[in-house]
Amino acid sequence: MTQSKIDPRVQRTRKLIMDSFMELSSKKEFKDITVKDITAEAIINRATFYYHFEDIYDLLEKVLSEVLLVNLDSDYYQSNELNEEALVNIFKAITNFQKSLSNRCHRGYEDTIARIIREQLEIIFYKRLLKQYPTEDEQALKVTAVMLSWAIYGASVEWRRNSKEISPEEFIKSVIPYIISGIDFGSTNSHNI
């Protein structure tokens, strides 16, 4: 009899810990949440917590990564073309994620949050670019994915700071033609003589 890769009980416990952390983070600042608070909320012992997570910062990172992946619905973005619709949807997911975080008051962890957002975007963009341009130089695609991830993240920060009166969709749509032409490898190759 073969077992699945991850024991369902392990998955349930991990989810319980993450859900307990999310519940606590809606009530208090991250800096005030302790492992003891989480274990009490989840009704588990400390050893169980440390079996799943290195520390509370590891938990924060994993929770944010998973929440972001759900927001990004990564299968959709990785299997579809990197076009205007996909870029608008990715931008909307990022801005929604940042709004939900600001409601949870993760002040002081902007660098961690920014890094997680950029890393997840980079993975999505790189996989999509590899599928879309399989004959291009992988290193060039990797750098393109990095640049796109920083650009989309930076635009989301700019929207949050200055442009909340217009929707994220309106905000990003005006720049998409420039982004798309910037990733149109067909036009760059036509300049080669």
C-alpha atoms as a PDB file:
ATOM      1  CA  MET A   1       0.000   0.000   0.000  1.00  0.00           C
ATOM      2  CA  THR A   2       1.538   3.303  -1.064  1.00  0.00           C
ATOM      3  CA  GLN A   3       1.309   6.422   1.038  1.00  0.00           C
ATOM      4  CA  SER A   4       0.776   9.884  -0.360  1.00  0.00           C
ATOM      5  CA  LYS A   5       3.837  12.146  -0.352  1.00  0.00           C
ATOM      6  CA  ILE A   6       2.711  14.131   2.709  1.00  0.00           C
ATOM      7  CA  ASP A   7       0.714  12.630   5.534  1.00  0.00           C
ATOM      8  CA  PRO A   8      -2.710  14.368   5.650  1.00  0.00           C
ATOM      9  CA  ARG A   9      -2.352  14.732   9.435  1.00  0.00           C
ATOM     10  CA  VAL A  10       0.883  16.670   8.954  1.00  0.00           C
ATOM     11  CA  GLN A  11      -0.839  18.926   6.406  1.00  0.00           C
ATOM     12  CA  ARG A  12      -3.804  19.488   8.747  1.00  0.00           C
ATOM     13  CA  THR A  13      -1.529  20.387  11.654  1.00  0.00           C
ATOM     14  CA  ARG A  14       0.500  22.774   9.503  1.00  0.00           C
ATOM     15  CA  LYS A  15      -2.714  24.433   8.290  1.00  0.00           C
ATOM     16  CA  LEU A  16      -4.007  24.627  11.869  1.00  0.00           C
ATOM     17  CA  ILE A  17      -0.833  26.453  12.952  1.00  0.00           C
ATOM     18  CA  MET A  18      -1.043  28.844   9.998  1.00  0.00           C
ATOM     19  CA  ASP A  19      -4.758  29.503  10.569  1.00  0.00           C
ATOM     20  CA  SER A  20      -4.114  30.143  14.264  1.00  0.00           C
ATOM     21  CA  PHE A  21      -1.390  32.606  13.350  1.00  0.00           C
ATOM     22  CA  MET A  22      -3.722  34.398  10.893  1.00  0.00           C
ATOM     23  CA  GLU A  23      -6.429  34.580  13.570  1.00  0.00           C
ATOM     24  CA  LEU A  24      -3.975  36.030  16.095  1.00  0.00           C
ATOM     25  CA  SER A  25      -2.572  38.503  13.565  1.00  0.00           C
ATOM     26  CA  SER A  26      -6.043  39.975  13.097  1.00  0.00           C
ATOM     27  CA  LYS A  27      -6.109  40.760  16.835  1.00  0.00           C
ATOM     28  CA  LYS A  28      -2.538  41.872  17.591  1.00  0.00           C
ATOM     29  CA  GLU A  29       0.648  43.145  15.987  1.00  0.00           C
ATOM     30  CA  PHE A  30       3.046  40.535  14.605  1.00  0.00           C
ATOM     31  CA  LYS A  31       5.795  41.719  16.980  1.00  0.00           C
ATOM     32  CA  ASP A  32       3.499  40.909  19.927  1.00  0.00           C
ATOM     33  CA  ILE A  33       2.623  37.366  18.819  1.00  0.00           C
ATOM     34  CA  THR A  34       4.625  34.625  20.512  1.00  0.00           C
ATOM     35  CA  VAL A  35       5.049  30.930  19.801  1.00  0.00           C
ATOM     36  CA  LYS A  36       3.217  30.364  23.098  1.00  0.00           C
ATOM     37  CA  ASP A  37       0.225  32.365  21.761  1.00  0.00           C
ATOM     38  CA  ILE A  38       0.168  30.275  18.586  1.00  0.00           C
ATOM     39  CA  THR A  39       0.443  26.944  20.388  1.00  0.00           C
ATOM     40  CA  ALA A  40      -2.352  27.960  22.782  1.00  0.00           C
ATOM     41  CA  GLU A  41      -4.590  29.076  19.892  1.00  0.00           C
ATOM     42  CA  ALA A  42      -3.893  25.892  17.902  1.00  0.00           C
ATOM     43  CA  ILE A  43      -3.977  23.649  20.998  1.00  0.00           C
ATOM     44  CA  ILE A  44      -0.623  22.033  20.184  1.00  0.00           C
ATOM     45  CA  ASN A  45       2.699  21.819  21.995  1.00  0.00           C
ATOM     46  CA  ARG A  46       5.888  23.760  21.222  1.00  0.00           C
ATOM     47  CA  ALA A  47       7.604  20.688  19.759  1.00  0.00           C
ATOM     48  CA  THR A  48       4.815  20.375  17.196  1.00  0.00           C
ATOM     49  CA  PHE A  49       5.208  24.035  16.231  1.00  0.00           C
ATOM     50  CA  TYR A  50       8.984  23.615  15.780  1.00  0.00           C
ATOM     51  CA  TYR A  51       8.491  20.426  13.783  1.00  0.00           C
ATOM     52  CA  HIS A  52       6.681  22.509  11.151  1.00  0.00           C
ATOM     53  CA  PHE A  53       8.436  25.896  11.386  1.00  0.00           C
ATOM     54  CA  GLU A  54      11.935  27.059  12.345  1.00  0.00           C
ATOM     55  CA  ASP A  55      10.596  30.082  14.236  1.00  0.00           C
ATOM     56  CA  ILE A  56       7.890  32.715  14.085  1.00  0.00           C
ATOM     57  CA  TYR A  57       9.610  34.520  11.176  1.00  0.00           C
ATOM     58  CA  ASP A  58       9.640  31.298   9.152  1.00  0.00           C
ATOM     59  CA  LEU A  59       5.916  30.964   9.905  1.00  0.00           C
ATOM     60  CA  LEU A  60       5.287  34.568   8.786  1.00  0.00           C
ATOM     61  CA  GLU A  61       7.152  33.952   5.538  1.00  0.00           C
ATOM     62  CA  LYS A  62       5.322  30.683   4.792  1.00  0.00           C
ATOM     63  CA  VAL A  63       1.907  32.172   5.600  1.00  0.00           C
ATOM     64  CA  LEU A  64       2.515  35.220   3.408  1.00  0.00           C
ATOM     65  CA  SER A  65       3.854  33.089   0.540  1.00  0.00           C
ATOM     66  CA  GLU A  66       0.835  30.789   0.654  1.00  0.00           C
ATOM     67  CA  VAL A  67      -1.678  33.642   0.925  1.00  0.00           C
ATOM     68  CA  LEU A  68       0.004  35.368  -2.006  1.00  0.00           C
ATOM     69  CA  LEU A  69      -0.019  32.191  -4.107  1.00  0.00           C
ATOM     70  CA  VAL A  70      -3.737  31.799  -3.465  1.00  0.00           C
ATOM     71  CA  ASN A  71      -4.223  35.452  -4.475  1.00  0.00           C
ATOM     72  CA  LEU A  72      -2.162  34.914  -7.609  1.00  0.00           C
ATOM     73  CA  ASP A  73      -3.890  31.621  -8.420  1.00  0.00           C
ATOM     74  CA  SER A  74      -0.505  30.554  -9.740  1.00  0.00           C
ATOM     75  CA  ASP A  75      -1.692  27.692 -11.953  1.00  0.00           C
ATOM     76  CA  TYR A  76      -3.740  30.155 -14.000  1.00  0.00           C
ATOM     77  CA  TYR A  77      -0.876  32.594 -14.396  1.00  0.00           C
ATOM     78  CA  GLN A  78       1.683  29.907 -15.169  1.00  0.00           C
ATOM     79  CA  SER A  79      -0.404  28.231 -17.846  1.00  0.00           C
ATOM     80  CA  ASN A  80      -1.589  31.312 -19.726  1.00  0.00           C
ATOM     81  CA  GLU A  81       0.211  33.755 -21.977  1.00  0.00           C
ATOM     82  CA  LEU A  82       1.852  36.787 -20.399  1.00  0.00           C
ATOM     83  CA  ASN A  83      -0.519  39.262 -22.036  1.00  0.00           C
ATOM     84  CA  GLU A  84      -2.448  42.367 -20.963  1.00  0.00           C
ATOM     85  CA  GLU A  85      -5.168  40.411 -19.148  1.00  0.00           C
ATOM     86  CA  ALA A  86      -2.631  38.335 -17.194  1.00  0.00           C
ATOM     87  CA  LEU A  87      -0.599  41.421 -16.189  1.00  0.00           C
ATOM     88  CA  VAL A  88      -3.734  43.280 -15.061  1.00  0.00           C
ATOM     89  CA  ASN A  89      -4.883  40.259 -13.022  1.00  0.00           C
ATOM     90  CA  ILE A  90      -1.455  39.816 -11.445  1.00  0.00           C
ATOM     91  CA  PHE A  91      -1.338  43.518 -10.536  1.00  0.00           C
ATOM     92  CA  LYS A  92      -4.847  43.372  -9.030  1.00  0.00           C
ATOM     93  CA  ALA A  93      -3.861  40.279  -6.988  1.00  0.00           C
ATOM     94  CA  ILE A  94      -0.746  42.034  -5.658  1.00  0.00           C
ATOM     95  CA  THR A  95      -2.645  45.190  -4.669  1.00  0.00           C
ATOM     96  CA  ASN A  96      -5.393  43.117  -2.991  1.00  0.00           C
ATOM     97  CA  PHE A  97      -2.720  41.173  -1.094  1.00  0.00           C
ATOM     98  CA  GLN A  98      -1.100  44.398   0.107  1.00  0.00           C
ATOM     99  CA  LYS A  99      -4.483  45.832   1.163  1.00  0.00           C
ATOM    100  CA  SER A 100      -5.287  42.705   3.176  1.00  0.00           C
ATOM    101  CA  LEU A 101      -1.863  42.896   4.844  1.00  0.00           C
ATOM    102  CA  SER A 102      -2.271  46.542   5.786  1.00  0.00           C
ATOM    103  CA  ASN A 103      -5.491  45.533   7.539  1.00  0.00           C
ATOM    104  CA  ARG A 104      -3.496  42.944   9.495  1.00  0.00           C
ATOM    105  CA  CYS A 105      -0.973  45.581  10.599  1.00  0.00           C
ATOM    106  CA  HIS A 106       2.295  43.874   9.668  1.00  0.00           C
ATOM    107  CA  ARG A 107       4.200  47.114  10.184  1.00  0.00           C
ATOM    108  CA  GLY A 108       7.946  46.750  10.351  1.00  0.00           C
ATOM    109  CA  TYR A 109       7.968  43.724   8.032  1.00  0.00           C
ATOM    110  CA  GLU A 110       7.700  45.574   4.736  1.00  0.00           C
ATOM    111  CA  ASP A 111      11.072  44.248   3.539  1.00  0.00           C
ATOM    112  CA  THR A 112      10.056  40.632   4.165  1.00  0.00           C
ATOM    113  CA  ILE A 113       6.690  41.171   2.513  1.00  0.00           C
ATOM    114  CA  ALA A 114       8.267  42.960  -0.469  1.00  0.00           C
ATOM    115  CA  ARG A 115      10.806  40.141  -0.947  1.00  0.00           C
ATOM    116  CA  ILE A 116       8.098  37.456  -0.827  1.00  0.00           C
ATOM    117  CA  ILE A 117       5.975  39.320  -3.389  1.00  0.00           C
ATOM    118  CA  ARG A 118       8.934  39.818  -5.743  1.00  0.00           C
ATOM    119  CA  GLU A 119      10.104  36.202  -5.407  1.00  0.00           C
ATOM    120  CA  GLN A 120       6.657  34.796  -6.198  1.00  0.00           C
ATOM    121  CA  LEU A 121       6.218  37.180  -9.141  1.00  0.00           C
ATOM    122  CA  GLU A 122       9.663  36.271 -10.461  1.00  0.00           C
ATOM    123  CA  ILE A 123       8.802  32.554 -10.405  1.00  0.00           C
ATOM    124  CA  ILE A 124       5.516  33.154 -12.237  1.00  0.00           C
ATOM    125  CA  PHE A 125       7.092  35.440 -14.857  1.00  0.00           C
ATOM    126  CA  TYR A 126      10.082  33.157 -15.430  1.00  0.00           C
ATOM    127  CA  LYS A 127       7.940  30.034 -15.937  1.00  0.00           C
ATOM    128  CA  ARG A 128       5.642  31.933 -18.290  1.00  0.00           C
ATOM    129  CA  LEU A 129       8.531  33.412 -20.283  1.00  0.00           C
ATOM    130  CA  LEU A 130      10.182  29.990 -20.615  1.00  0.00           C
ATOM    131  CA  LYS A 131       6.962  28.577 -22.077  1.00  0.00           C
ATOM    132  CA  GLN A 132       6.377  31.586 -24.311  1.00  0.00           C
ATOM    133  CA  TYR A 133       9.971  31.893 -25.589  1.00  0.00           C
ATOM    134  CA  PRO A 134      11.553  28.415 -25.350  1.00  0.00           C
ATOM    135  CA  THR A 135      14.336  29.234 -27.828  1.00  0.00           C
ATOM    136  CA  GLU A 136      15.544  32.392 -26.040  1.00  0.00           C
ATOM    137  CA  ASP A 137      18.537  32.592 -23.714  1.00  0.00           C
ATOM    138  CA  GLU A 138      17.425  31.372 -20.264  1.00  0.00           C
ATOM    139  CA  GLN A 139      19.630  33.892 -18.446  1.00  0.00           C
ATOM    140  CA  ALA A 140      18.030  36.754 -20.399  1.00  0.00           C
ATOM    141  CA  LEU A 141      14.583  35.399 -19.497  1.00  0.00           C
ATOM    142  CA  LYS A 142      15.615  35.144 -15.841  1.00  0.00           C
ATOM    143  CA  VAL A 143      16.736  38.783 -15.806  1.00  0.00           C
ATOM    144  CA  THR A 144      13.521  39.782 -17.606  1.00  0.00           C
ATOM    145  CA  ALA A 145      11.504  37.989 -14.915  1.00  0.00           C
ATOM    146  CA  VAL A 146      13.464  39.819 -12.198  1.00  0.00           C
ATOM    147  CA  MET A 147      12.875  43.173 -13.888  1.00  0.00           C
ATOM    148  CA  LEU A 148       9.154  42.488 -14.356  1.00  0.00           C
ATOM    149  CA  SER A 149       8.752  41.384 -10.734  1.00  0.00           C
ATOM    150  CA  TRP A 150      10.396  44.557  -9.431  1.00  0.00           C
ATOM    151  CA  ALA A 151       8.410  46.699 -11.885  1.00  0.00           C
ATOM    152  CA  ILE A 152       5.030  45.229 -10.944  1.00  0.00           C
ATOM    153  CA  TYR A 153       5.862  45.369  -7.234  1.00  0.00           C
ATOM    154  CA  GLY A 154       7.106  48.966  -7.550  1.00  0.00           C
ATOM    155  CA  ALA A 155       3.966  49.969  -9.440  1.00  0.00           C
ATOM    156  CA  SER A 156       1.820  48.414  -6.694  1.00  0.00           C
ATOM    157  CA  VAL A 157       3.684  50.433  -4.048  1.00  0.00           C
ATOM    158  CA  GLU A 158       3.227  53.602  -6.125  1.00  0.00           C
ATOM    159  CA  TRP A 159      -0.494  52.867  -6.520  1.00  0.00           C
ATOM    160  CA  ARG A 160      -0.857  52.302  -2.775  1.00  0.00           C
ATOM    161  CA  ARG A 161       0.936  55.565  -1.954  1.00  0.00           C
ATOM    162  CA  ASN A 162      -0.564  57.960  -4.480  1.00  0.00           C
ATOM    163  CA  SER A 163      -3.294  56.601  -6.693  1.00  0.00           C
ATOM    164  CA  LYS A 164      -5.920  54.908  -4.565  1.00  0.00           C
ATOM    165  CA  GLU A 165      -8.629  57.071  -6.143  1.00  0.00           C
ATOM    166  CA  ILE A 166      -8.303  55.046  -9.364  1.00  0.00           C
ATOM    167  CA  SER A 167      -8.644  51.283  -9.518  1.00  0.00           C
ATOM    168  CA  PRO A 168      -5.517  49.103  -9.762  1.00  0.00           C
ATOM    169  CA  GLU A 169      -6.799  47.976 -13.164  1.00  0.00           C
ATOM    170  CA  GLU A 170      -6.998  51.550 -14.535  1.00  0.00           C
ATOM    171  CA  PHE A 171      -3.627  52.374 -12.990  1.00  0.00           C
ATOM    172  CA  ILE A 172      -1.753  49.486 -14.648  1.00  0.00           C
ATOM    173  CA  LYS A 173      -3.567  49.428 -18.001  1.00  0.00           C
ATOM    174  CA  SER A 174      -1.939  52.668 -19.183  1.00  0.00           C
ATOM    175  CA  VAL A 175       1.572  51.210 -18.878  1.00  0.00           C
ATOM    176  CA  ILE A 176       0.915  47.698 -20.188  1.00  0.00           C
ATOM    177  CA  PRO A 177       1.608  48.588 -23.852  1.00  0.00           C
ATOM    178  CA  TYR A 178       5.140  49.623 -22.794  1.00  0.00           C
ATOM    179  CA  ILE A 179       5.612  46.473 -20.712  1.00  0.00           C
ATOM    180  CA  ILE A 180       4.356  44.241 -23.521  1.00  0.00           C
ATOM    181  CA  SER A 181       6.580  45.870 -26.138  1.00  0.00           C
ATOM    182  CA  GLY A 182       9.457  45.525 -23.697  1.00  0.00           C
ATOM    183  CA  ILE A 183       8.974  41.751 -23.544  1.00  0.00           C
ATOM    184  CA  ASP A 184       8.264  41.301 -27.244  1.00  0.00           C
ATOM    185  CA  PHE A 185      11.412  39.386 -28.214  1.00  0.00           C
ATOM    186  CA  GLY A 186      10.308  39.237 -31.847  1.00  0.00           C
ATOM    187  CA  SER A 187      10.841  42.977 -32.304  1.00  0.00           C
ATOM    188  CA  THR A 188      14.265  42.971 -30.610  1.00  0.00           C
ATOM    189  CA  ASN A 189      15.527  40.193 -32.869  1.00  0.00           C
ATOM    190  CA  SER A 190      14.382  42.063 -35.990  1.00  0.00           C
ATOM    191  CA  HIS A 191      16.998  44.738 -35.277  1.00  0.00           C
ATOM    192  CA  ASN A 192      19.837  42.243 -35.693  1.00  0.00           C
ATOM    193  CA  ILE A 193      21.593  42.569 -39.035  1.00  0.00           C
END
